[in-house]
Amino acid sequence: MTSASPPARQGADPRERDGGLGTGALALGLVATGTGLTAALWSGMDWLAWTALVLGLLGLVVGFIGARRAFHDPHRNGAMSLSGFVLALIGLIIGAWLVVPALLGIGTFGEGLTLDECMAQAQGQHEERMCASQHIDEYRARYGDPGGSGG
């Protein structure tokens, strides 16, 4: 006696096709991109850059798993997983673009300081150049044009 396989369901709910991974990836990607763009547009929202970074990482993982499952199973639709993956990648890039310079201490030296305070805290020519570029008008008034001919 042979047992026949159960008949395939024709009207399967689309949410059952990807196991919720596509929806999760898309939601994480949208929130990661939105918080990253918000952090980039408004200063003082640095915590949003961290949120975009973390949610972007999570969205990448969930989107990758969902897209991989959909690739290996012809009954699954991986469009939401793939779009969530792409949006999470965008959110991750924006978050990293905002967080990494702060972590490495590059690009923000001397912000909010006067030229005198900045030059007093500078340790080396690189930081002195950062002070000069941030306070270029005051620097030129005191020390002359650094790029001009000394003639």
Protein backbone atom coordinates (compact mmCIF):
# COMPACT_ATOMS: atom_id res chain seq x y z
CA MET A 1 0.00 0.00 0.00
CA THR A 2 1.43 3.31 -1.04
CA SER A 3 0.55 6.52 0.60
CA ALA A 4 -0.12 9.46 -1.63
CA SER A 5 1.25 12.83 -0.70
CA PRO A 6 -1.32 15.36 0.43
CA PRO A 7 -2.55 17.67 -2.32
CA ALA A 8 -0.87 21.08 -2.51
CA ARG A 9 -2.96 23.95 -1.22
CA GLN A 10 -3.84 26.28 -4.02
CA GLY A 11 -4.97 29.29 -2.01
CA ALA A 12 -2.15 29.41 0.55
CA ASP A 13 -1.87 32.60 2.51
CA PRO A 14 1.02 34.70 1.11
CA ARG A 15 2.30 35.31 4.66
CA GLU A 16 2.90 31.59 5.04
CA ARG A 17 5.18 31.50 2.03
CA ASP A 18 8.16 33.21 3.62
CA GLY A 19 7.54 32.35 7.25
CA GLY A 20 7.41 36.03 8.21
CA LEU A 21 11.07 36.63 7.37
CA GLY A 22 10.24 38.95 4.48
CA THR A 23 7.92 41.06 6.61
CA GLY A 24 10.46 41.22 9.42
CA ALA A 25 13.31 42.12 7.07
CA LEU A 26 11.25 44.80 5.37
CA ALA A 27 10.16 46.33 8.69
CA LEU A 28 13.72 46.32 10.05
CA GLY A 29 15.05 47.80 6.81
CA LEU A 30 12.47 50.57 6.72
CA VAL A 31 13.04 51.53 10.36
CA ALA A 32 16.85 51.36 9.96
CA THR A 33 16.78 53.60 6.90
CA GLY A 34 14.30 56.01 8.48
CA THR A 35 16.26 56.39 11.71
CA GLY A 36 19.51 56.72 9.79
CA LEU A 37 18.13 59.49 7.60
CA THR A 38 16.63 61.23 10.64
CA ALA A 39 19.97 61.10 12.45
CA ALA A 40 21.73 62.45 9.36
CA LEU A 41 19.31 65.35 8.91
CA TRP A 42 18.99 66.51 12.52
CA SER A 43 22.00 67.13 14.71
CA GLY A 44 21.75 66.06 18.32
CA MET A 45 20.11 62.77 17.35
CA ASP A 46 23.27 60.66 17.59
CA TRP A 47 21.48 57.82 19.35
CA LEU A 48 19.41 57.34 16.19
CA ALA A 49 22.59 56.59 14.25
CA TRP A 50 23.30 53.74 16.67
CA THR A 51 19.72 52.54 16.28
CA ALA A 52 20.09 52.55 12.50
CA LEU A 53 23.34 50.62 12.77
CA VAL A 54 21.89 47.90 15.02
CA LEU A 55 18.59 47.58 13.13
CA GLY A 56 20.48 47.56 9.84
CA LEU A 57 22.59 44.63 11.02
CA LEU A 58 19.51 42.74 12.20
CA GLY A 59 17.67 43.49 8.94
CA LEU A 60 20.63 42.26 6.90
CA VAL A 61 20.66 38.94 8.74
CA VAL A 62 16.89 38.40 8.54
CA GLY A 63 16.74 39.54 4.91
CA PHE A 64 19.63 37.29 3.93
CA ILE A 65 18.08 34.25 5.61
CA GLY A 66 14.68 34.95 4.01
CA ALA A 67 16.14 35.53 0.55
CA ARG A 68 18.28 32.41 0.80
CA ARG A 69 15.29 30.28 1.81
CA ALA A 70 13.27 31.73 -1.06
CA PHE A 71 16.10 31.01 -3.49
CA HIS A 72 16.17 27.33 -2.53
CA ASP A 73 12.39 26.85 -2.32
CA PRO A 74 10.38 27.67 -5.48
CA HIS A 75 7.17 28.00 -3.45
CA ARG A 76 8.50 30.96 -1.49
CA ASN A 77 8.55 34.57 -2.59
CA GLY A 78 11.74 36.37 -1.62
CA ALA A 79 10.87 39.87 -2.85
CA MET A 80 10.11 41.28 0.59
CA SER A 81 13.21 39.65 2.07
CA LEU A 82 15.39 41.06 -0.68
CA SER A 83 13.92 44.56 -0.43
CA GLY A 84 14.29 44.42 3.36
CA PHE A 85 17.90 43.37 2.89
CA VAL A 86 18.58 46.33 0.59
CA LEU A 87 16.86 48.84 2.89
CA ALA A 88 18.70 47.42 5.91
CA LEU A 89 21.97 47.78 4.01
CA ILE A 90 21.16 51.44 3.31
CA GLY A 91 20.31 52.01 6.99
CA LEU A 92 23.51 50.24 8.04
CA ILE A 93 25.63 52.39 5.71
CA ILE A 94 24.03 55.62 6.94
CA GLY A 95 24.44 54.55 10.57
CA ALA A 96 28.07 53.57 10.04
CA TRP A 97 28.74 56.82 8.19
CA LEU A 98 27.56 58.72 11.27
CA VAL A 99 28.95 56.47 14.02
CA VAL A 100 32.41 55.45 12.77
CA PRO A 101 33.95 58.96 12.66
CA ALA A 102 32.79 59.59 16.22
CA LEU A 103 34.26 56.27 17.36
CA LEU A 104 37.58 56.92 15.65
CA GLY A 105 37.71 60.55 16.75
CA ILE A 106 38.10 61.91 13.25
CA GLY A 107 36.28 64.83 11.73
CA THR A 108 34.79 66.27 14.90
CA PHE A 109 37.86 67.60 16.69
CA GLY A 110 37.41 71.19 17.82
CA GLU A 111 33.71 71.55 17.13
CA GLY A 112 32.07 74.05 19.47
CA LEU A 113 35.39 75.56 20.53
CA THR A 114 36.93 78.90 19.75
CA LEU A 115 40.12 79.00 17.70
CA ASP A 116 42.23 79.57 20.84
CA GLU A 117 40.64 76.64 22.70
CA CYS A 118 40.95 74.39 19.67
CA MET A 119 44.63 75.24 19.07
CA ALA A 120 45.40 74.75 22.79
CA GLN A 121 43.92 71.23 22.69
CA ALA A 122 45.49 70.30 19.35
CA GLN A 123 48.13 67.62 19.52
CA GLY A 124 49.95 67.65 16.21
CA GLN A 125 49.65 69.24 12.82
CA HIS A 126 46.61 67.22 11.78
CA GLU A 127 44.48 68.59 14.62
CA GLU A 128 45.86 72.10 14.08
CA ARG A 129 44.75 71.87 10.44
CA MET A 130 41.30 70.74 11.58
CA CYS A 131 41.11 73.80 13.86
CA ALA A 132 42.20 76.04 10.99
CA SER A 133 39.61 74.59 8.60
CA GLN A 134 36.78 74.94 11.14
CA HIS A 135 37.73 78.52 12.04
CA ILE A 136 39.19 79.57 8.68
CA ASP A 137 38.04 83.20 8.76
CA GLU A 138 39.42 83.86 12.24
CA TYR A 139 42.59 81.92 11.40
CA ARG A 140 43.21 83.98 8.25
CA ALA A 141 42.62 87.24 10.15
CA ARG A 142 45.27 86.27 12.72
CA TYR A 143 47.84 84.26 10.82
CA GLY A 144 47.30 85.19 7.19
CA ASP A 145 46.18 82.98 4.33
CA PRO A 146 47.73 79.52 4.82
CA GLY A 147 47.39 78.68 1.13
CA GLY A 148 48.44 82.03 -0.30
CA SER A 149 51.84 83.12 -1.52
CA GLY A 150 53.88 84.52 1.34
CA GLY A 151 55.24 87.27 -0.88
